[in-house]
Structure formats: structure tokens, C-alpha cells
Amino acid sequence: MREIPGMRRRLLPRRRRSGKPVLPDTALTCAAEWQWPVVPGVGQRPGSGRRGGCGCPHPDCAAPAAHPFDPGLLAATTDARMVRWWWTNRPTAPIILATGGRAPCAVSLPAVAAASAVAELERTGVRLGPVVATPDRWSLLVAPYSLPELGELLYSQDWVPGSLRFHGEGGYLALPPSRTGAGQVRWERAPGTDGGAPWLPEVQTVVEALVEASAGSPGGGSRLPY
């Protein structure tokens, strides 16, 4: 992706003395340098603790603090001025990536099964892109794919674990260093820092390994026949 002149130094995530990246700077890196459309997440309800309630009005929220609310997902943008304004006003808001289109997609599994799959992929020499981790789930970022492409890929599998999730067109994913109701979001495999958007593998490269890892891992999920 084209680098914006004069902005590279400013967009790279700066670090506090604690060593933790600053959310506004990371949001700017994703949007302006990598051209990943982002939007601020709703965040946790004040006083809900390290892993707790969502700031949205739904008491049974399925993705506590890890989703957009106001503004909604359709507002996701790569415009640096808009991103800067959002995180200036809400500096602790989670960073939500709008997946699909020209943006990265993702495939996620429960943490134990995903860790096994990542280890197997690396053992066999498969090149991985960034891997996002929460205490419960890992998400492997992959190149954009269409719904028909995904359908053909799943149809070619004998079965697919029910715990395998796909974040494609119209989906979203919380990015590090956000904190959500599931806990701290971190990079298990960090993006490269050599300029431009991080490299991403094709979805078919990783799905078979994820399916196989789920078969023998605790929490891998029940089988969905295809």
C-alpha cells in the first residue's frame, strides 16, 4: 500500500513507559498506513472489571465491549482525520476492524485448538500472517475472500468444527491492544513493521490445518457436516 509522505514516523505505535502501545496511535497505523478500515468499539461498562460487561444497552451482549455501537460498523474508515478525532475523544475505545472487501478477513478458533494449528502450520513451513489472541480465542488474519469462495472451500471439507468462525464481508474483529469483555487483546504473531500493509495468507492455506487441529483439541467444537 502507498505510504503517506511525512506520516510514517507519526503513525508507528508509540509506547508508554509501561511498554503498552497507545490505542490512538495504533488505530492510526491500521487505518492510514495499512489501509484497514477501523471504527471505535463500544468498550466495557465502567466498573465492570478486567473481564466484564459491555457498554452497550444489551444485558446479554454476545460480544461484550468487542463490537461497534455508535458509530456503527458502516462508519469504519481509513481516513486519518476521522480516526484521530474518534480516539482523541475516546482514547481507550477498542479498535474494531471491519473485515472483508479490501480489508483483511479472519478465521478464528478456541485458543487451545488454534495454538495447536498455528504450531502445526509453522512446523510444516506455512507462512502465517498476523494472529490476534484473546484468552479464549485466536484469530488468524487472512487475505480478503468472497462468500462464494468460502462456500466452495467449506464444501470441500468432510466436516467443519462448529467452533470455527469466519470474519468476512460485513464482519468485524477487535484488534490489539484493545481490552474487551473477553480480556486483553494481543498479537500472538505480530504484523511486520517494514512499512506498508502486513502480508496475509490465503484462507485455504490455513483452514485445513485449523479443521484438523480442532478434531483433536479440547474445546474444538462439534462437527458440522458439509
Protein backbone atom coordinates (compact mmCIF):
# COMPACT_ATOMS: atom_id res chain seq x y z
CA MET A 1 0.00 0.00 0.00
CA ARG A 2 1.16 3.57 -0.66
CA GLU A 3 2.76 5.20 2.33
CA ILE A 4 1.54 8.68 3.21
CA PRO A 5 4.54 11.08 2.99
CA GLY A 6 5.64 12.54 6.27
CA MET A 7 3.30 10.38 8.37
CA ARG A 8 5.21 7.13 8.85
CA ARG A 9 7.11 8.20 11.96
CA ARG A 10 3.99 9.67 13.49
CA LEU A 11 1.78 6.65 12.74
CA LEU A 12 4.00 3.93 14.14
CA PRO A 13 2.63 2.91 17.54
CA ARG A 14 4.45 4.83 20.24
CA ARG A 15 4.89 3.20 23.62
CA ARG A 16 4.28 4.42 27.12
CA ARG A 17 6.86 3.80 29.83
CA SER A 18 4.82 0.72 30.73
CA GLY A 19 5.62 -0.71 27.27
CA LYS A 20 1.98 -0.82 26.14
CA PRO A 21 1.11 0.69 22.74
CA VAL A 22 -1.14 3.73 22.76
CA LEU A 23 -4.55 2.91 21.28
CA PRO A 24 -4.95 6.13 19.21
CA ASP A 25 -1.55 5.67 17.54
CA THR A 26 -2.26 2.02 16.76
CA ALA A 27 -5.66 2.90 15.29
CA LEU A 28 -3.93 5.45 13.03
CA THR A 29 -1.35 2.90 11.91
CA CYS A 30 -4.09 0.41 10.96
CA ALA A 31 -6.17 2.98 9.10
CA ALA A 32 -3.74 5.36 7.41
CA GLU A 33 -0.65 3.21 6.91
CA TRP A 34 -2.16 -0.23 6.40
CA GLN A 35 -5.47 0.93 4.88
CA TRP A 36 -7.51 -1.24 7.25
CA PRO A 37 -10.92 0.36 7.93
CA VAL A 38 -11.49 0.75 11.66
CA VAL A 39 -14.13 2.13 13.99
CA PRO A 40 -14.09 2.57 17.79
CA GLY A 41 -15.68 -0.24 19.78
CA VAL A 42 -18.29 0.31 22.44
CA GLY A 43 -15.91 -0.60 25.26
CA GLN A 44 -16.63 -2.00 28.70
CA ARG A 45 -19.18 -0.68 31.13
CA PRO A 46 -17.45 1.47 33.79
CA GLY A 47 -16.67 -0.52 36.90
CA SER A 48 -17.19 -3.92 35.23
CA GLY A 49 -13.66 -5.15 35.99
CA ARG A 50 -10.94 -6.69 33.84
CA ARG A 51 -13.36 -9.08 32.10
CA GLY A 52 -16.90 -7.86 32.30
CA GLY A 53 -19.91 -6.09 30.99
CA CYS A 54 -20.44 -4.30 27.72
CA GLY A 55 -21.05 -0.59 27.42
CA CYS A 56 -23.99 -1.19 25.07
CA PRO A 57 -27.57 -1.32 26.40
CA HIS A 58 -27.99 -5.07 25.78
CA PRO A 59 -27.52 -7.06 29.02
CA ASP A 60 -26.99 -10.33 27.12
CA CYS A 61 -24.48 -8.93 24.59
CA ALA A 62 -22.78 -11.78 22.70
CA ALA A 63 -19.50 -9.86 22.21
CA PRO A 64 -19.05 -7.70 25.31
CA ALA A 65 -17.13 -4.49 24.57
CA ALA A 66 -15.81 -6.02 21.32
CA HIS A 67 -18.22 -4.55 18.79
CA PRO A 68 -19.11 -1.17 17.28
CA PHE A 69 -22.22 0.58 18.51
CA ASP A 70 -22.18 4.34 17.98
CA PRO A 71 -20.88 4.85 15.35
CA GLY A 72 -21.88 1.61 13.69
CA LEU A 73 -19.77 -0.72 11.56
CA LEU A 74 -20.67 1.08 8.32
CA ALA A 75 -18.76 4.11 9.62
CA ALA A 76 -15.43 2.22 9.58
CA THR A 77 -12.87 4.23 7.66
CA THR A 78 -9.22 4.61 6.71
CA ASP A 79 -9.43 8.40 6.92
CA ALA A 80 -6.72 9.56 9.35
CA ARG A 81 -8.58 12.72 10.37
CA MET A 82 -11.71 10.83 11.34
CA VAL A 83 -9.75 8.13 13.19
CA ARG A 84 -7.74 10.76 15.06
CA TRP A 85 -10.94 12.58 16.06
CA TRP A 86 -12.60 9.38 17.31
CA TRP A 87 -9.70 8.29 19.51
CA THR A 88 -8.99 11.81 20.74
CA ASN A 89 -12.49 11.80 22.17
CA ARG A 90 -12.43 8.14 23.23
CA PRO A 91 -8.76 7.26 23.83
CA THR A 92 -9.48 3.88 25.46
CA ALA A 93 -12.01 2.66 22.88
CA PRO A 94 -11.27 -0.80 21.43
CA ILE A 95 -10.05 -0.85 17.83
CA ILE A 96 -12.60 -2.68 15.67
CA LEU A 97 -11.54 -3.82 12.20
CA ALA A 98 -14.30 -4.01 9.60
CA THR A 99 -13.38 -7.25 7.83
CA GLY A 100 -13.91 -8.10 4.17
CA GLY A 101 -13.99 -6.07 0.99
CA ARG A 102 -10.40 -4.92 0.53
CA ALA A 103 -9.68 -5.35 4.24
CA PRO A 104 -8.30 -8.47 5.90
CA CYS A 105 -10.65 -11.29 6.78
CA ALA A 106 -10.06 -13.70 9.66
CA VAL A 107 -10.60 -17.28 10.77
CA SER A 108 -10.85 -17.94 14.50
CA LEU A 109 -10.84 -20.93 16.85
CA PRO A 110 -10.81 -21.50 20.61
CA ALA A 111 -7.34 -20.73 21.95
CA VAL A 112 -6.21 -24.33 22.64
CA ALA A 113 -7.14 -25.61 19.19
CA ALA A 114 -5.77 -22.51 17.48
CA ALA A 115 -2.43 -22.78 19.28
CA SER A 116 -2.12 -26.38 18.04
CA ALA A 117 -2.98 -25.33 14.49
CA VAL A 118 -0.51 -22.44 14.47
CA ALA A 119 2.26 -24.72 15.74
CA GLU A 120 1.46 -27.29 13.04
CA LEU A 121 1.39 -24.68 10.29
CA GLU A 122 4.75 -23.32 11.38
CA ARG A 123 6.21 -26.83 11.69
CA THR A 124 5.31 -27.54 8.06
CA GLY A 125 6.77 -24.24 6.87
CA VAL A 126 3.50 -22.44 6.10
CA ARG A 127 3.94 -18.68 6.21
CA LEU A 128 1.43 -17.08 8.56
CA GLY A 129 0.19 -13.53 8.76
CA PRO A 130 -0.75 -11.70 11.96
CA VAL A 131 -2.51 -13.71 14.66
CA VAL A 132 -4.80 -11.93 17.13
CA ALA A 133 -5.29 -13.57 20.54
CA THR A 134 -7.64 -13.17 23.49
CA PRO A 135 -7.66 -15.51 26.49
CA ASP A 136 -10.46 -17.50 24.82
CA ARG A 137 -9.87 -17.37 21.06
CA TRP A 138 -7.18 -16.81 18.45
CA SER A 139 -7.92 -15.24 15.06
CA LEU A 140 -5.67 -15.75 12.03
CA LEU A 141 -5.82 -12.81 9.65
CA VAL A 142 -6.08 -13.85 6.00
CA ALA A 143 -6.40 -12.19 2.63
CA PRO A 144 -9.90 -10.99 1.67
CA TYR A 145 -12.20 -13.73 0.43
CA SER A 146 -15.70 -13.71 -1.01
CA LEU A 147 -18.70 -15.64 0.30
CA PRO A 148 -18.76 -17.95 -2.79
CA GLU A 149 -15.05 -18.70 -2.31
CA LEU A 150 -15.65 -19.54 1.33
CA GLY A 151 -18.63 -21.74 0.44
CA GLU A 152 -16.57 -23.79 -2.03
CA LEU A 153 -13.77 -24.16 0.49
CA LEU A 154 -16.08 -25.41 3.23
CA TYR A 155 -17.89 -27.75 0.82
CA SER A 156 -14.57 -29.42 0.04
CA GLN A 157 -14.14 -30.38 3.71
CA ASP A 158 -15.62 -33.60 5.10
CA TRP A 159 -16.65 -31.70 8.20
CA VAL A 160 -16.12 -28.32 9.83
CA PRO A 161 -15.96 -27.74 13.61
CA GLY A 162 -18.83 -25.73 14.99
CA SER A 163 -16.32 -23.58 16.92
CA LEU A 164 -14.64 -22.36 13.71
CA ARG A 165 -15.73 -18.81 12.91
CA PHE A 166 -15.22 -16.76 9.78
CA HIS A 167 -14.95 -12.98 9.81
CA GLY A 168 -15.59 -11.84 6.25
CA GLU A 169 -17.64 -9.21 4.44
CA GLY A 170 -19.85 -7.40 6.94
CA GLY A 171 -17.94 -8.82 9.92
CA TYR A 172 -15.59 -7.31 12.46
CA LEU A 173 -12.76 -8.16 14.80
CA ALA A 174 -11.21 -6.39 17.80
CA LEU A 175 -7.52 -5.62 17.29
CA PRO A 176 -4.69 -5.23 19.83
CA PRO A 177 -4.14 -3.55 22.20
CA SER A 178 -7.88 -3.33 22.89
CA ARG A 179 -9.42 -4.55 26.12
CA THR A 180 -12.81 -6.21 25.76
CA GLY A 181 -15.17 -8.29 27.85
CA ALA A 182 -13.09 -11.34 26.86
CA GLY A 183 -9.95 -9.75 28.32
CA GLN A 184 -6.87 -8.18 26.78
CA VAL A 185 -6.46 -8.48 23.00
CA ARG A 186 -2.85 -9.07 21.95
CA TRP A 187 -0.71 -10.13 18.98
CA GLU A 188 0.25 -13.80 19.16
CA ARG A 189 2.04 -13.24 15.85
CA ALA A 190 2.64 -9.52 15.36
CA PRO A 191 2.40 -7.78 11.96
CA GLY A 192 5.66 -6.87 10.26
CA THR A 193 6.95 -3.34 10.77
CA ASP A 194 8.80 -2.82 7.50
CA GLY A 195 6.23 -0.40 6.07
CA GLY A 196 3.05 -0.98 4.10
CA ALA A 197 0.23 -3.34 4.97
CA PRO A 198 1.13 -6.65 6.65
CA TRP A 199 1.31 -9.69 4.38
CA LEU A 200 -1.71 -12.04 4.59
CA PRO A 201 -2.04 -15.71 3.57
CA GLU A 202 -4.93 -17.05 1.51
CA VAL A 203 -7.76 -18.54 3.55
CA GLN A 204 -7.45 -22.01 2.01
CA THR A 205 -3.86 -22.16 3.25
CA VAL A 206 -4.93 -22.18 6.88
CA VAL A 207 -8.43 -23.70 7.00
CA GLU A 208 -7.41 -27.36 6.60
CA ALA A 209 -4.90 -27.10 9.45
CA LEU A 210 -7.47 -25.39 11.65
CA VAL A 211 -10.03 -28.12 10.96
CA GLU A 212 -7.53 -30.87 11.75
CA ALA A 213 -6.40 -29.16 14.95
CA SER A 214 -9.99 -28.87 16.12
CA ALA A 215 -10.53 -32.62 15.72
CA GLY A 216 -8.02 -33.50 18.40
CA SER A 217 -8.12 -30.49 20.71
CA PRO A 218 -10.24 -29.89 23.82
CA GLY A 219 -12.90 -27.33 23.05
CA GLY A 220 -12.52 -27.87 19.34
CA GLY A 221 -16.26 -27.99 18.86
CA SER A 222 -18.79 -30.42 17.43
CA ARG A 223 -18.74 -31.47 13.79
CA LEU A 224 -20.84 -29.72 11.18
CA PRO A 225 -21.14 -31.97 8.07
CA TYR A 226 -20.67 -30.41 4.63
